[in-house]
Amino acid sequence: MSDQDETNSGDVPMMQKLLDNPFLLLFLGVASPAVLYLAWGIMEIVTIPAR
């Protein structure tokens, strides 16, 4: 039973590694709104009717 506990304690899920990285979360928190607002602005400019 002890061998199984040692092998399972070393297995950290990928999603947990991802969410434990504060710099990655900071980047995603800043980059995702920036990309969305940029895309929204481009769509607004494209939809302005030409005279």
C-alpha atoms as a PDB file:
ATOM      1  CA  MET A   1       0.000   0.000   0.000  1.00  0.00           C
ATOM      2  CA  SER A   2       2.901   2.306   0.709  1.00  0.00           C
ATOM      3  CA  ASP A   3       4.225   1.971  -2.864  1.00  0.00           C
ATOM      4  CA  GLN A   4       0.904   3.078  -4.332  1.00  0.00           C
ATOM      5  CA  ASP A   5       0.792   6.139  -2.075  1.00  0.00           C
ATOM      6  CA  GLU A   6       4.268   7.195  -3.203  1.00  0.00           C
ATOM      7  CA  THR A   7       3.452   6.862  -6.901  1.00  0.00           C
ATOM      8  CA  ASN A   8       0.100   8.655  -6.597  1.00  0.00           C
ATOM      9  CA  SER A   9       1.519  11.545  -4.576  1.00  0.00           C
ATOM     10  CA  GLY A  10       3.899  12.439  -7.430  1.00  0.00           C
ATOM     11  CA  ASP A  11       1.168  12.577 -10.077  1.00  0.00           C
ATOM     12  CA  VAL A  12      -0.056  16.162 -10.267  1.00  0.00           C
ATOM     13  CA  PRO A  13      -2.798  16.739 -12.841  1.00  0.00           C
ATOM     14  CA  MET A  14      -1.937  19.073 -15.728  1.00  0.00           C
ATOM     15  CA  MET A  15      -4.830  21.424 -14.975  1.00  0.00           C
ATOM     16  CA  GLN A  16      -3.640  21.833 -11.379  1.00  0.00           C
ATOM     17  CA  LYS A  17      -0.131  22.697 -12.588  1.00  0.00           C
ATOM     18  CA  LEU A  18      -1.670  25.251 -14.934  1.00  0.00           C
ATOM     19  CA  LEU A  19      -3.861  26.858 -12.280  1.00  0.00           C
ATOM     20  CA  ASP A  20      -1.065  26.914  -9.682  1.00  0.00           C
ATOM     21  CA  ASN A  21       1.055  29.205 -11.869  1.00  0.00           C
ATOM     22  CA  PRO A  22       0.237  32.815 -10.835  1.00  0.00           C
ATOM     23  CA  PHE A  23       2.129  34.393 -13.743  1.00  0.00           C
ATOM     24  CA  LEU A  24       0.188  32.354 -16.282  1.00  0.00           C
ATOM     25  CA  LEU A  25      -3.082  33.351 -14.610  1.00  0.00           C
ATOM     26  CA  LEU A  26      -1.981  36.998 -14.649  1.00  0.00           C
ATOM     27  CA  PHE A  27      -1.103  36.774 -18.337  1.00  0.00           C
ATOM     28  CA  LEU A  28      -4.419  35.121 -19.190  1.00  0.00           C
ATOM     29  CA  GLY A  29      -6.319  37.660 -17.109  1.00  0.00           C
ATOM     30  CA  VAL A  30      -4.721  40.569 -18.960  1.00  0.00           C
ATOM     31  CA  ALA A  31      -4.381  39.087 -22.438  1.00  0.00           C
ATOM     32  CA  SER A  32      -7.861  37.646 -22.868  1.00  0.00           C
ATOM     33  CA  PRO A  33      -9.766  40.940 -22.296  1.00  0.00           C
ATOM     34  CA  ALA A  34      -7.203  42.780 -24.429  1.00  0.00           C
ATOM     35  CA  VAL A  35      -7.704  40.395 -27.344  1.00  0.00           C
ATOM     36  CA  LEU A  36     -11.483  40.497 -26.988  1.00  0.00           C
ATOM     37  CA  TYR A  37     -11.612  44.316 -26.886  1.00  0.00           C
ATOM     38  CA  LEU A  38      -9.238  44.518 -29.843  1.00  0.00           C
ATOM     39  CA  ALA A  39     -11.422  42.157 -31.871  1.00  0.00           C
ATOM     40  CA  TRP A  40     -14.543  44.076 -30.790  1.00  0.00           C
ATOM     41  CA  GLY A  41     -12.968  47.377 -31.876  1.00  0.00           C
ATOM     42  CA  ILE A  42     -11.928  45.988 -35.256  1.00  0.00           C
ATOM     43  CA  MET A  43     -15.436  44.641 -35.811  1.00  0.00           C
ATOM     44  CA  GLU A  44     -16.919  48.039 -34.941  1.00  0.00           C
ATOM     45  CA  ILE A  45     -14.587  49.839 -37.359  1.00  0.00           C
ATOM     46  CA  VAL A  46     -15.351  47.365 -40.158  1.00  0.00           C
ATOM     47  CA  THR A  47     -19.115  47.775 -39.720  1.00  0.00           C
ATOM     48  CA  ILE A  48     -19.067  51.586 -40.087  1.00  0.00           C
ATOM     49  CA  PRO A  49     -20.853  52.348 -43.351  1.00  0.00           C
ATOM     50  CA  ALA A  50     -18.809  54.077 -46.045  1.00  0.00           C
ATOM     51  CA  ARG A  51     -20.138  57.358 -47.451  1.00  0.00           C
END
